[in-house]
Amino acid sequence: MPILVRDARADDLAPIVAFNALLALETEHKTLDPEVLAKGVARALADPERLRYWVAIDDESDRVVGQVATSREWSDWRDGWIWWFQSVFVDADFRGRGVFRRLHAHVRDLARADPEVIGLRLYVEVSNHTARNTYLALGMQPGGYDVLEELWIGRR
C-alpha cells in the first residue's frame, strides 16, 4: 500500500479535525467542542512552530488516512529540543497496514537530521495497549514519568 507522508496544509483542516474528534472519543471517551477543535487545528496549521502536523495520504484514493503532530520542548539538561508526538491517529480502515510506521519514520528522520533535536517523546493513554505496543515495537521506551496536569479548558 503506497502511503505518502507530507506536511499538513490548510486544506487538510477537515480530516484533521475529524480525526482529532475520533481520537478523543476512542481513547478518552470525550466529545470535543467542534468549534474549539477547528479553531485550534486552524491555528496550528497557520503556525507550525506552535504545533506541526504531518498527514499520511493513501496514494490510491488520494485521501488523508493518518496524522501526527509534534510540539517542541527545550531540555536545558540536555541542551536540545525534544519533539513530542501528539494527535496520533490512523483511520480505522487503514490500521495495521504500516501507516503510523511511515509517519513515525518520516518525523524521526526529520528530527535526526536536525542537530538541535535530541529525541522524541509521546504520551499514551494508560489503557491503550495497542498503541503502546506499536510505540514499543518502533523502539520507543517508557520514559519513567507520569503526566500530571492542571488544565483551564474554555478559559478564553
Protein backbone atom coordinates (compact mmCIF):
# COMPACT_ATOMS: atom_id res chain seq x y z
CA MET A 1 0.00 0.00 0.00
CA PRO A 2 1.73 3.20 -1.13
CA ILE A 3 1.49 5.88 1.54
CA LEU A 4 2.84 9.39 1.06
CA VAL A 5 3.70 11.47 4.14
CA ARG A 6 3.75 15.24 3.81
CA ASP A 7 3.39 18.39 5.85
CA ALA A 8 -0.23 19.18 6.53
CA ARG A 9 -1.75 22.12 4.66
CA ALA A 10 -4.68 24.41 5.34
CA ASP A 11 -6.90 22.25 3.11
CA ASP A 12 -6.27 19.29 5.46
CA LEU A 13 -8.26 21.04 8.20
CA ALA A 14 -11.43 18.94 7.86
CA PRO A 15 -9.81 15.48 8.07
CA ILE A 16 -7.52 16.56 10.92
CA VAL A 17 -10.47 17.95 12.89
CA ALA A 18 -12.45 14.76 12.23
CA PHE A 19 -9.52 12.54 13.25
CA ASN A 20 -8.89 14.53 16.43
CA ALA A 21 -12.56 14.25 17.40
CA LEU A 22 -12.42 10.48 16.84
CA LEU A 23 -9.14 10.25 18.74
CA ALA A 24 -10.63 11.93 21.82
CA LEU A 25 -13.73 9.73 21.65
CA GLU A 26 -11.83 6.46 21.12
CA THR A 27 -9.05 6.98 23.65
CA GLU A 28 -10.61 9.10 26.37
CA HIS A 29 -14.36 8.81 25.70
CA LYS A 30 -14.51 12.61 25.37
CA THR A 31 -16.59 14.62 22.95
CA LEU A 32 -14.70 17.73 21.93
CA ASP A 33 -16.33 21.05 21.11
CA PRO A 34 -16.12 21.10 17.29
CA GLU A 35 -15.73 24.89 17.08
CA VAL A 36 -12.88 24.98 19.59
CA LEU A 37 -11.21 21.98 17.93
CA ALA A 38 -11.45 23.51 14.44
CA LYS A 39 -10.08 26.81 15.72
CA GLY A 40 -7.17 25.05 17.46
CA VAL A 41 -6.26 22.98 14.41
CA ALA A 42 -6.53 26.02 12.13
CA ARG A 43 -4.19 27.98 14.39
CA ALA A 44 -1.69 25.12 14.36
CA LEU A 45 -1.83 24.77 10.58
CA ALA A 46 -1.18 28.50 10.25
CA ASP A 47 1.73 28.39 12.71
CA PRO A 48 3.73 25.13 12.57
CA GLU A 49 6.07 26.46 15.27
CA ARG A 50 3.07 26.13 17.60
CA LEU A 51 2.20 22.58 16.55
CA ARG A 52 3.36 20.93 13.33
CA TYR A 53 1.12 18.38 11.62
CA TRP A 54 2.00 15.72 9.07
CA VAL A 55 -0.54 13.64 7.21
CA ALA A 56 -0.40 10.24 5.57
CA ILE A 57 -2.05 10.11 2.16
CA ASP A 58 -3.27 6.88 0.55
CA ASP A 59 -1.80 7.06 -2.95
CA GLU A 60 -4.70 5.13 -4.49
CA SER A 61 -7.56 7.25 -3.12
CA ASP A 62 -5.57 10.46 -2.52
CA ARG A 63 -7.21 10.88 0.88
CA VAL A 64 -5.79 11.56 4.32
CA VAL A 65 -5.65 8.26 6.23
CA GLY A 66 -3.47 9.21 9.17
CA GLN A 67 -1.89 12.08 11.01
CA VAL A 68 0.65 13.03 13.62
CA ALA A 69 1.65 16.35 15.12
CA THR A 70 4.69 17.44 17.08
CA SER A 71 5.28 20.13 19.62
CA ARG A 72 8.70 21.06 20.99
CA GLU A 73 10.17 21.06 24.48
CA TRP A 74 13.54 22.62 25.24
CA SER A 75 15.71 20.46 27.51
CA ASP A 76 18.18 22.60 29.39
CA TRP A 77 19.59 19.41 30.93
CA ARG A 78 20.49 18.08 27.50
CA ASP A 79 20.87 21.35 25.54
CA GLY A 80 18.46 20.39 22.80
CA TRP A 81 14.89 20.08 21.57
CA ILE A 82 12.65 17.12 22.28
CA TRP A 83 9.82 16.66 19.82
CA TRP A 84 6.59 15.42 21.40
CA PHE A 85 4.24 13.37 19.24
CA GLN A 86 0.64 14.50 19.58
CA SER A 87 -2.67 13.85 17.84
CA VAL A 88 -1.58 10.44 16.55
CA PHE A 89 -4.42 8.89 14.59
CA VAL A 90 -4.87 6.40 11.76
CA ASP A 91 -8.21 5.85 10.02
CA ALA A 92 -9.74 2.59 11.28
CA ASP A 93 -9.80 1.14 7.73
CA PHE A 94 -6.02 1.60 7.45
CA ARG A 95 -4.84 0.40 10.86
CA GLY A 96 -2.35 -2.44 10.90
CA ARG A 97 -1.05 -1.50 7.45
CA GLY A 98 2.04 0.46 8.45
CA VAL A 99 0.56 3.98 8.23
CA PHE A 100 1.82 5.08 11.63
CA ARG A 101 5.14 3.34 10.96
CA ARG A 102 5.55 5.61 7.88
CA LEU A 103 4.51 8.73 9.83
CA HIS A 104 6.89 7.87 12.67
CA ALA A 105 9.79 7.17 10.28
CA HIS A 106 9.21 10.46 8.46
CA VAL A 107 9.17 12.54 11.64
CA ARG A 108 12.07 10.59 13.14
CA ASP A 109 14.18 11.15 10.01
CA LEU A 110 13.47 14.89 10.11
CA ALA A 111 14.29 15.05 13.82
CA ARG A 112 17.53 13.11 13.43
CA ALA A 113 18.58 15.39 10.56
CA ASP A 114 18.31 18.42 12.84
CA PRO A 115 21.33 18.62 15.18
CA GLU A 116 19.28 20.64 17.68
CA VAL A 117 16.78 17.78 18.20
CA ILE A 118 17.89 15.22 20.77
CA GLY A 119 14.90 12.91 20.90
CA LEU A 120 11.24 12.05 20.55
CA ARG A 121 8.60 11.60 23.23
CA LEU A 122 4.92 10.88 23.43
CA TYR A 123 2.32 10.10 25.98
CA VAL A 124 -0.12 7.25 25.57
CA GLU A 125 -3.42 6.60 27.32
CA VAL A 126 -2.77 4.00 30.04
CA SER A 127 -5.37 1.55 28.73
CA ASN A 128 -4.42 1.91 25.05
CA HIS A 129 -2.37 -1.28 24.88
CA THR A 130 -2.47 -1.49 21.08
CA ALA A 131 -0.90 1.94 20.67
CA ARG A 132 1.60 1.31 23.44
CA ASN A 133 2.74 -1.93 21.80
CA THR A 134 3.08 -0.14 18.46
CA TYR A 135 5.31 2.54 20.00
CA LEU A 136 7.44 -0.05 21.78
CA ALA A 137 7.85 -2.02 18.53
CA LEU A 138 9.21 1.14 16.90
CA GLY A 139 11.93 1.43 19.53
CA MET A 140 10.36 3.90 21.93
CA GLN A 141 10.77 3.10 25.62
CA PRO A 142 8.96 4.16 28.80
CA GLY A 143 10.44 7.45 29.99
CA GLY A 144 9.87 6.84 33.69
CA TYR A 145 7.47 9.76 34.11
CA ASP A 146 3.80 10.14 34.93
CA VAL A 147 1.96 13.03 33.31
CA LEU A 148 0.28 15.41 35.74
CA GLU A 149 -1.81 18.30 34.57
CA GLU A 150 -3.84 21.31 35.54
CA LEU A 151 -5.97 22.49 32.63
CA TRP A 152 -8.15 25.57 32.24
CA ILE A 153 -10.30 24.43 29.33
CA GLY A 154 -12.65 27.08 27.96
CA ARG A 155 -10.80 29.91 29.67
CA ARG A 156 -10.65 32.05 26.51
